């Protein structure tokens, strides 16, 4: 059961084909299960729906509560099972490991009432997708899964549908007597960032322009962008001293201990300084101090509220319009398809320096 997520998706197709064949026993029982609206211990925020699980849910230990109503439960066993969508956990073969795409058990108890709430940990739901369960016997209860179930860095556009299925099972022969299912999806890695980022100076502000090249922006759940600044806006800072003894500027270094390309900025140490929507190609960063070099990186955000890894770092120094343009920085080097835009910006910076130098010489 230690398959990769791609393996699960491939086997799901096989499972749907397999399960289309006869194999479900006829149920004579009049027992039934009804699932009401579920709730999460971690509230849904942003664009995330009640049936969506993201990386933060797994990392922070979200628990889903399922209100159930049982009818004619008799002495049947109540069980909760999880599977990739398309697998019928009501089939005995799915619960005993006889099919290539099995179900894994999350809960088992003999109910003492008709109305109850079953709580299931998100990590246990994801365990069968990301954790090596080869040592777990078919039908064994999966509980208390650790942080290893929250594997991130999965391929782009990996929205994975799953089911949580509740069964009333006859303990004498393990036959299913009643069934109810809840469907959800999970995505636990954010989109890749744009691979071109440029900054243009303004008075107390920087204009960030960005682009994707190739298919790196192909994540269908892309929902917007967040920008991070070092130092943060609205903070009094000193420009520092360059190795040559002059004022520090963007030409000296792009080094920053706060922003790390490729790292996911989900901690409080990151200073968010601007946002942009999914269709944007630029954003304005304001409330900056003139004459201070700012290091800027950006990350893409999806509809599951996952934040992707940071882009490469660019640097810009806001200046008043009557000051010399000292630095324009782009990161990484632009690809040929975008040379036109970056060439215009770079030439604008060079012409600005020439004009200011001529002006300063004429005043001498």
Protein backbone atom coordinates (compact mmCIF):
# COMPACT_ATOMS: atom_id res chain seq x y z
CA UNK A 1 0.00 0.00 0.00
CA UNK A 2 3.01 2.30 -0.17
CA UNK A 3 2.09 3.62 -3.62
CA UNK A 4 2.92 7.07 -4.90
CA UNK A 5 0.07 9.45 -5.58
CA UNK A 6 0.49 8.90 -9.30
CA UNK A 7 0.17 5.18 -8.62
CA UNK A 8 -3.07 5.72 -6.74
CA UNK A 9 -4.52 7.73 -9.60
CA UNK A 10 -3.54 5.12 -12.16
CA UNK A 11 -4.95 2.31 -10.07
CA UNK A 12 -8.17 4.24 -9.52
CA UNK A 13 -8.93 3.85 -13.22
CA UNK A 14 -8.36 0.11 -12.91
CA UNK A 15 -10.49 0.02 -9.77
CA UNK A 16 -13.43 1.74 -11.44
CA UNK A 17 -13.29 -0.84 -14.22
CA UNK A 18 -13.02 -3.69 -11.73
CA UNK A 19 -15.81 -2.47 -9.52
CA UNK A 20 -18.19 -2.12 -12.42
CA UNK A 21 -18.40 -5.89 -12.47
CA UNK A 22 -20.87 -7.75 -10.24
CA UNK A 23 -19.63 -8.46 -6.74
CA UNK A 24 -21.73 -6.55 -4.22
CA UNK A 25 -23.81 -8.86 -2.08
CA UNK A 26 -27.54 -8.16 -1.92
CA UNK A 27 -28.41 -6.44 1.36
CA UNK A 28 -31.65 -7.53 2.98
CA UNK A 29 -31.26 -5.17 5.94
CA UNK A 30 -33.35 -2.01 6.20
CA UNK A 31 -30.58 -0.23 8.14
CA UNK A 32 -29.40 3.16 6.87
CA UNK A 33 -26.84 5.89 7.54
CA UNK A 34 -27.30 9.61 6.94
CA UNK A 35 -24.34 12.05 6.95
CA UNK A 36 -25.11 15.67 7.88
CA UNK A 37 -22.99 18.76 7.17
CA UNK A 38 -19.44 18.18 8.37
CA UNK A 39 -17.30 20.66 10.32
CA UNK A 40 -13.56 21.24 10.73
CA UNK A 41 -11.51 21.98 13.83
CA UNK A 42 -9.58 24.46 11.64
CA UNK A 43 -12.11 26.94 10.17
CA UNK A 44 -12.35 27.31 6.40
CA UNK A 45 -10.85 30.61 5.24
CA UNK A 46 -10.36 32.42 1.96
CA UNK A 47 -11.72 30.56 -1.06
CA UNK A 48 -11.43 27.13 0.55
CA UNK A 49 -14.62 25.06 0.63
CA UNK A 50 -15.80 22.70 3.34
CA UNK A 51 -14.83 19.67 1.26
CA UNK A 52 -11.29 20.88 0.50
CA UNK A 53 -8.15 19.94 2.45
CA UNK A 54 -4.87 21.83 2.10
CA UNK A 55 -1.35 21.51 3.46
CA UNK A 56 -2.01 23.64 6.56
CA UNK A 57 -4.93 21.36 7.52
CA UNK A 58 -2.59 18.38 7.51
CA UNK A 59 0.35 20.17 9.12
CA UNK A 60 -1.75 21.68 11.93
CA UNK A 61 -3.81 18.54 12.64
CA UNK A 62 -7.28 19.39 11.34
CA UNK A 63 -10.05 17.07 12.55
CA UNK A 64 -13.25 16.59 10.54
CA UNK A 65 -16.43 15.88 12.51
CA UNK A 66 -19.16 13.85 10.79
CA UNK A 67 -22.67 13.99 12.34
CA UNK A 68 -24.36 10.64 11.61
CA UNK A 69 -27.93 9.43 11.91
CA UNK A 70 -28.33 5.63 12.08
CA UNK A 71 -31.55 3.75 11.44
CA UNK A 72 -32.17 0.12 12.44
CA UNK A 73 -28.54 -0.23 13.45
CA UNK A 74 -29.18 -3.43 15.42
CA UNK A 75 -25.89 -4.87 16.64
CA UNK A 76 -24.01 -3.89 13.52
CA UNK A 77 -20.50 -2.44 13.62
CA UNK A 78 -20.04 1.16 12.47
CA UNK A 79 -16.90 1.64 10.36
CA UNK A 80 -15.34 4.56 8.48
CA UNK A 81 -13.14 3.92 5.46
CA UNK A 82 -11.21 6.14 3.05
CA UNK A 83 -10.32 5.57 -0.57
CA UNK A 84 -9.47 7.35 -3.77
CA UNK A 85 -12.66 8.34 -5.59
CA UNK A 86 -14.08 5.56 -7.74
CA UNK A 87 -13.37 2.78 -5.25
CA UNK A 88 -16.42 1.26 -3.56
CA UNK A 89 -15.59 0.53 0.07
CA UNK A 90 -18.89 -1.28 0.40
CA UNK A 91 -17.32 -4.21 -1.43
CA UNK A 92 -15.69 -6.73 0.89
CA UNK A 93 -12.80 -7.08 -1.57
CA UNK A 94 -11.97 -3.38 -1.19
CA UNK A 95 -11.74 -3.70 2.59
CA UNK A 96 -9.69 -6.90 2.65
CA UNK A 97 -6.92 -5.93 0.21
CA UNK A 98 -8.11 -8.21 -2.59
CA UNK A 99 -8.28 -5.34 -5.10
CA UNK A 100 -5.28 -3.34 -6.34
CA UNK A 101 -6.75 -0.09 -5.04
CA UNK A 102 -7.94 -0.79 -1.50
CA UNK A 103 -9.72 1.22 1.17
CA UNK A 104 -8.15 1.91 4.58
CA UNK A 105 -10.04 1.97 7.87
CA UNK A 106 -10.30 5.14 9.97
CA UNK A 107 -12.87 4.20 12.63
CA UNK A 108 -14.56 1.15 14.08
CA UNK A 109 -16.98 0.84 17.00
CA UNK A 110 -20.33 -0.60 18.00
CA UNK A 111 -22.62 2.43 18.26
CA UNK A 112 -24.71 2.83 21.39
CA UNK A 113 -27.05 5.44 19.94
CA UNK A 114 -28.64 6.47 16.67
CA UNK A 115 -27.26 10.02 16.68
CA UNK A 116 -23.51 10.41 17.01
CA UNK A 117 -20.49 12.33 15.74
CA UNK A 118 -17.48 10.53 14.34
CA UNK A 119 -14.24 12.56 14.31
CA UNK A 120 -11.57 11.75 11.73
CA UNK A 121 -8.07 13.23 11.51
CA UNK A 122 -7.05 14.68 8.14
CA UNK A 123 -3.62 13.05 8.51
CA UNK A 124 -5.25 9.63 8.73
CA UNK A 125 -7.28 10.36 5.58
CA UNK A 126 -4.11 11.25 3.67
CA UNK A 127 -2.03 8.43 5.14
CA UNK A 128 -2.93 5.93 2.46
CA UNK A 129 -1.85 8.32 -0.28
CA UNK A 130 1.52 9.44 1.09
CA UNK A 131 2.65 7.09 3.85
CA UNK A 132 4.13 3.64 3.28
CA UNK A 133 1.45 1.32 4.67
CA UNK A 134 3.02 -1.91 3.44
CA UNK A 135 3.32 -3.13 7.03
CA UNK A 136 -0.36 -2.44 7.80
CA UNK A 137 -2.56 -5.48 7.51
CA UNK A 138 -5.60 -5.13 5.19
CA UNK A 139 -8.54 -3.84 7.19
CA UNK A 140 -6.41 -2.72 10.13
CA UNK A 141 -7.31 0.60 11.76
CA UNK A 142 -5.15 3.57 10.77
CA UNK A 143 -4.99 6.08 13.60
CA UNK A 144 -2.56 8.63 14.99
CA UNK A 145 -0.67 9.18 11.74
CA UNK A 146 2.15 11.68 12.15
CA UNK A 147 3.35 14.66 10.16
CA UNK A 148 4.83 12.31 7.55
CA UNK A 149 1.37 12.13 5.99
CA UNK A 150 1.68 15.79 5.00
CA UNK A 151 4.12 15.27 2.15
CA UNK A 152 4.34 18.46 0.11
CA UNK A 153 6.10 19.26 -3.14
CA UNK A 154 3.75 17.13 -5.24
CA UNK A 155 3.47 17.85 -8.97
CA UNK A 156 1.45 20.82 -10.18
CA UNK A 157 -2.34 20.68 -10.56
CA UNK A 158 -2.53 17.71 -8.20
CA UNK A 159 -6.08 18.04 -6.94
CA UNK A 160 -6.95 14.56 -5.70
CA UNK A 161 -10.56 13.47 -5.01
CA UNK A 162 -11.29 11.01 -2.20
CA UNK A 163 -14.19 9.47 -0.32
CA UNK A 164 -14.88 8.85 3.36
CA UNK A 165 -17.37 5.99 3.50
CA UNK A 166 -19.40 4.97 6.56
CA UNK A 167 -20.65 1.39 6.79
CA UNK A 168 -22.83 -0.64 9.09
CA UNK A 169 -21.21 -4.08 8.94
CA UNK A 170 -22.56 -7.39 10.20
CA UNK A 171 -19.77 -8.68 12.48
CA UNK A 172 -20.74 -12.28 11.83
CA UNK A 173 -19.74 -12.26 8.15
CA UNK A 174 -18.28 -8.73 7.56
CA UNK A 175 -21.07 -8.01 5.07
CA UNK A 176 -22.09 -4.41 4.48
CA UNK A 177 -25.64 -3.62 5.68
CA UNK A 178 -25.78 0.16 5.15
CA UNK A 179 -23.54 2.70 3.43
CA UNK A 180 -23.13 6.49 3.21
CA UNK A 181 -20.30 8.48 1.65
CA UNK A 182 -18.79 11.97 1.88
CA UNK A 183 -16.60 13.23 -0.96
CA UNK A 184 -13.76 15.71 -0.74
CA UNK A 185 -10.56 16.78 -2.48
CA UNK A 186 -7.10 17.61 -1.24
CA UNK A 187 -4.16 19.58 -2.58
CA UNK A 188 -1.18 20.02 -0.31
CA UNK A 189 1.34 21.99 -2.36
CA UNK A 190 1.06 25.50 -3.75
CA UNK A 191 1.75 26.61 -7.34
CA UNK A 192 5.22 27.35 -8.65
CA UNK A 193 6.19 31.05 -8.65
CA UNK A 194 6.81 33.14 -11.77
CA UNK A 195 10.34 32.64 -13.06
CA UNK A 196 10.79 36.27 -14.08
CA UNK A 197 10.58 39.12 -11.57
CA UNK A 198 11.67 42.73 -12.13
CA UNK A 199 11.44 45.84 -9.95
CA UNK A 200 11.12 49.44 -11.16
CA UNK A 201 11.74 52.27 -8.69
CA UNK A 202 9.20 54.87 -7.65
CA UNK A 203 8.87 57.50 -4.97
CA UNK A 204 8.40 55.46 -1.79
CA UNK A 205 7.35 52.49 -3.89
CA UNK A 206 8.47 49.73 -6.23
CA UNK A 207 6.58 48.36 -9.23
CA UNK A 208 7.01 44.59 -9.46
CA UNK A 209 6.59 43.05 -12.93
CA UNK A 210 6.59 39.27 -13.36
CA UNK A 211 5.98 36.54 -15.92
CA UNK A 212 5.98 32.78 -16.45
CA UNK A 213 7.94 31.11 -19.21
CA UNK A 214 7.23 27.64 -20.52
CA UNK A 215 4.49 25.74 -18.66
CA UNK A 216 5.61 26.60 -15.11
CA UNK A 217 2.39 28.56 -14.54
CA UNK A 218 0.11 25.70 -15.58
CA UNK A 219 -1.47 25.06 -12.14
CA UNK A 220 -5.23 25.27 -12.79
CA UNK A 221 -5.88 26.24 -9.14
CA UNK A 222 -3.68 29.36 -9.32
CA UNK A 223 -5.54 32.14 -7.52
CA UNK A 224 -3.10 35.01 -6.99
CA UNK A 225 0.30 36.12 -5.73
CA UNK A 226 1.90 37.36 -2.53
CA UNK A 227 5.03 39.50 -2.31
CA UNK A 228 7.51 39.53 0.57
CA UNK A 229 9.97 42.31 1.40
CA UNK A 230 13.20 42.47 3.36
CA UNK A 231 13.22 44.88 5.12
CA UNK A 232 9.44 45.21 5.55
CA UNK A 233 7.51 48.39 4.68
CA UNK A 234 6.78 51.01 7.35
CA UNK A 235 9.93 50.13 9.28
CA UNK A 236 12.70 52.68 9.87
CA UNK A 237 15.95 51.17 8.61
CA UNK A 238 19.45 52.33 7.79
CA UNK A 239 20.75 51.74 4.27
CA UNK A 240 23.91 50.26 5.80
CA UNK A 241 27.47 50.44 4.55
CA UNK A 242 28.82 48.81 1.41
CA UNK A 243 32.20 47.01 1.35
CA UNK A 244 33.74 50.08 -0.33
CA UNK A 245 32.59 52.29 2.54
CA UNK A 246 29.73 53.92 0.64
CA UNK A 247 25.99 53.52 1.11
CA UNK A 248 24.67 50.00 0.56
CA UNK A 249 22.59 49.61 -2.60
CA UNK A 250 21.25 46.81 -4.79
CA UNK A 251 24.51 46.50 -6.69
CA UNK A 252 26.26 45.17 -3.58
CA UNK A 253 24.34 41.98 -2.84
CA UNK A 254 21.02 40.18 -3.03
CA UNK A 255 21.78 38.33 0.19
CA UNK A 256 18.93 38.14 2.70
CA UNK A 257 18.45 35.83 5.65
CA UNK A 258 14.68 36.32 5.57
CA UNK A 259 13.88 35.34 2.00
CA UNK A 260 15.05 31.94 0.75
CA UNK A 261 14.20 31.00 -2.87
CA UNK A 262 12.32 27.72 -3.03
CA UNK A 263 11.19 27.89 0.59
CA UNK A 264 7.48 28.06 1.37
CA UNK A 265 6.77 31.35 3.23
CA UNK A 266 4.21 30.08 5.73
CA UNK A 267 5.82 31.46 8.90
CA UNK A 268 5.52 34.75 10.77
CA UNK A 269 9.09 35.68 9.89
CA UNK A 270 7.99 36.54 6.36
CA UNK A 271 6.91 40.12 5.75
CA UNK A 272 4.14 40.24 3.17
CA UNK A 273 4.19 43.59 1.40
CA UNK A 274 1.80 43.29 -1.58
CA UNK A 275 -0.65 41.01 -3.35
CA UNK A 276 -1.88 40.54 -6.92
CA UNK A 277 -4.76 38.59 -8.46
CA UNK A 278 -4.38 35.59 -10.71
CA UNK A 279 -4.58 37.55 -13.98
CA UNK A 280 -2.09 40.23 -12.95
CA UNK A 281 1.40 40.69 -14.37
CA UNK A 282 2.44 43.47 -12.00
CA UNK A 283 1.91 44.78 -8.49
CA UNK A 284 2.78 47.97 -6.61
CA UNK A 285 4.69 47.78 -3.32
CA UNK A 286 4.12 50.94 -1.29
CA UNK A 287 5.03 52.48 2.09
CA UNK A 288 8.75 52.06 1.40
CA UNK A 289 11.57 54.39 2.42
CA UNK A 290 13.47 56.22 -0.31
CA UNK A 291 17.16 55.39 -0.58
CA UNK A 292 16.81 51.97 1.07
CA UNK A 293 17.49 48.79 -0.98
CA UNK A 294 14.61 46.31 -0.66
CA UNK A 295 14.92 42.61 -1.45
CA UNK A 296 11.68 41.23 -2.86
CA UNK A 297 10.47 37.70 -3.64
CA UNK A 298 7.03 36.42 -4.54
CA UNK A 299 4.96 33.25 -4.21
CA UNK A 300 1.85 31.98 -5.96
CA UNK A 301 -1.29 31.02 -4.01
CA UNK A 302 -4.00 28.54 -5.07
CA UNK A 303 -7.73 28.24 -4.41
CA UNK A 304 -6.96 25.82 -1.56
CA UNK A 305 -5.03 28.63 0.23
CA UNK A 306 -1.75 26.79 -0.30
CA UNK A 307 1.25 29.10 -0.64
CA UNK A 308 3.84 27.96 -3.13
CA UNK A 309 7.63 28.29 -2.88
CA UNK A 310 9.39 31.65 -3.11
CA UNK A 311 10.73 32.93 -6.40
CA UNK A 312 14.25 34.16 -6.95
CA UNK A 313 15.03 37.48 -5.27
CA UNK A 314 15.01 40.87 -6.97
CA UNK A 315 16.19 44.14 -5.45
CA UNK A 316 15.01 47.72 -5.88
CA UNK A 317 15.64 51.04 -4.17
CA UNK A 318 12.82 53.62 -4.11
CA UNK A 319 13.96 57.14 -5.02
CA UNK A 320 12.35 60.54 -5.45
CA UNK A 321 11.81 61.49 -9.08
CA UNK A 322 14.59 64.08 -8.91
CA UNK A 323 17.17 61.56 -7.66
CA UNK A 324 19.58 59.54 -9.75
CA UNK A 325 18.44 56.04 -10.68
CA UNK A 326 21.11 53.92 -9.04
CA UNK A 327 19.94 50.36 -9.58
CA UNK A 328 17.41 48.27 -11.46
CA UNK A 329 17.51 44.58 -10.70
CA UNK A 330 15.86 41.57 -12.29
CA UNK A 331 15.83 37.96 -11.20
CA UNK A 332 16.50 35.63 -12.83
CA UNK A 333 17.83 36.64 -16.24
CA UNK A 334 14.88 37.13 -18.60
CA UNK A 335 14.12 34.52 -21.22
CA UNK A 336 14.15 35.49 -24.88
CA UNK A 337 10.36 35.68 -25.11
CA UNK A 338 10.32 38.49 -22.58
CA UNK A 339 13.47 40.35 -23.59
CA UNK A 340 11.43 43.15 -25.11
CA UNK A 341 9.73 44.19 -21.86
CA UNK A 342 12.82 43.83 -19.69
CA UNK A 343 14.93 45.60 -22.34
CA UNK A 344 12.63 48.60 -22.22
CA UNK A 345 12.82 48.78 -18.45
CA UNK A 346 16.59 48.35 -18.38
CA UNK A 347 17.10 50.99 -21.07
CA UNK A 348 14.85 53.34 -19.11
CA UNK A 349 17.08 52.90 -16.05
CA UNK A 350 20.23 53.53 -18.16
CA UNK A 351 18.78 56.64 -19.79
CA UNK A 352 17.72 57.91 -16.39
CA UNK A 353 21.30 57.59 -15.15
CA UNK A 354 22.66 59.40 -18.21
CA UNK A 355 20.18 62.27 -17.88
CA UNK A 356 20.94 62.70 -14.20
CA UNK A 357 24.69 62.60 -14.80
CA UNK A 358 24.45 65.22 -17.56
CA UNK A 359 22.34 67.40 -15.30
CA UNK A 360 24.81 67.06 -12.45
CA UNK A 361 27.74 67.93 -14.78
CA UNK A 362 25.93 70.99 -16.11
CA UNK A 363 25.49 72.31 -12.59
CA UNK A 364 29.18 72.16 -11.79
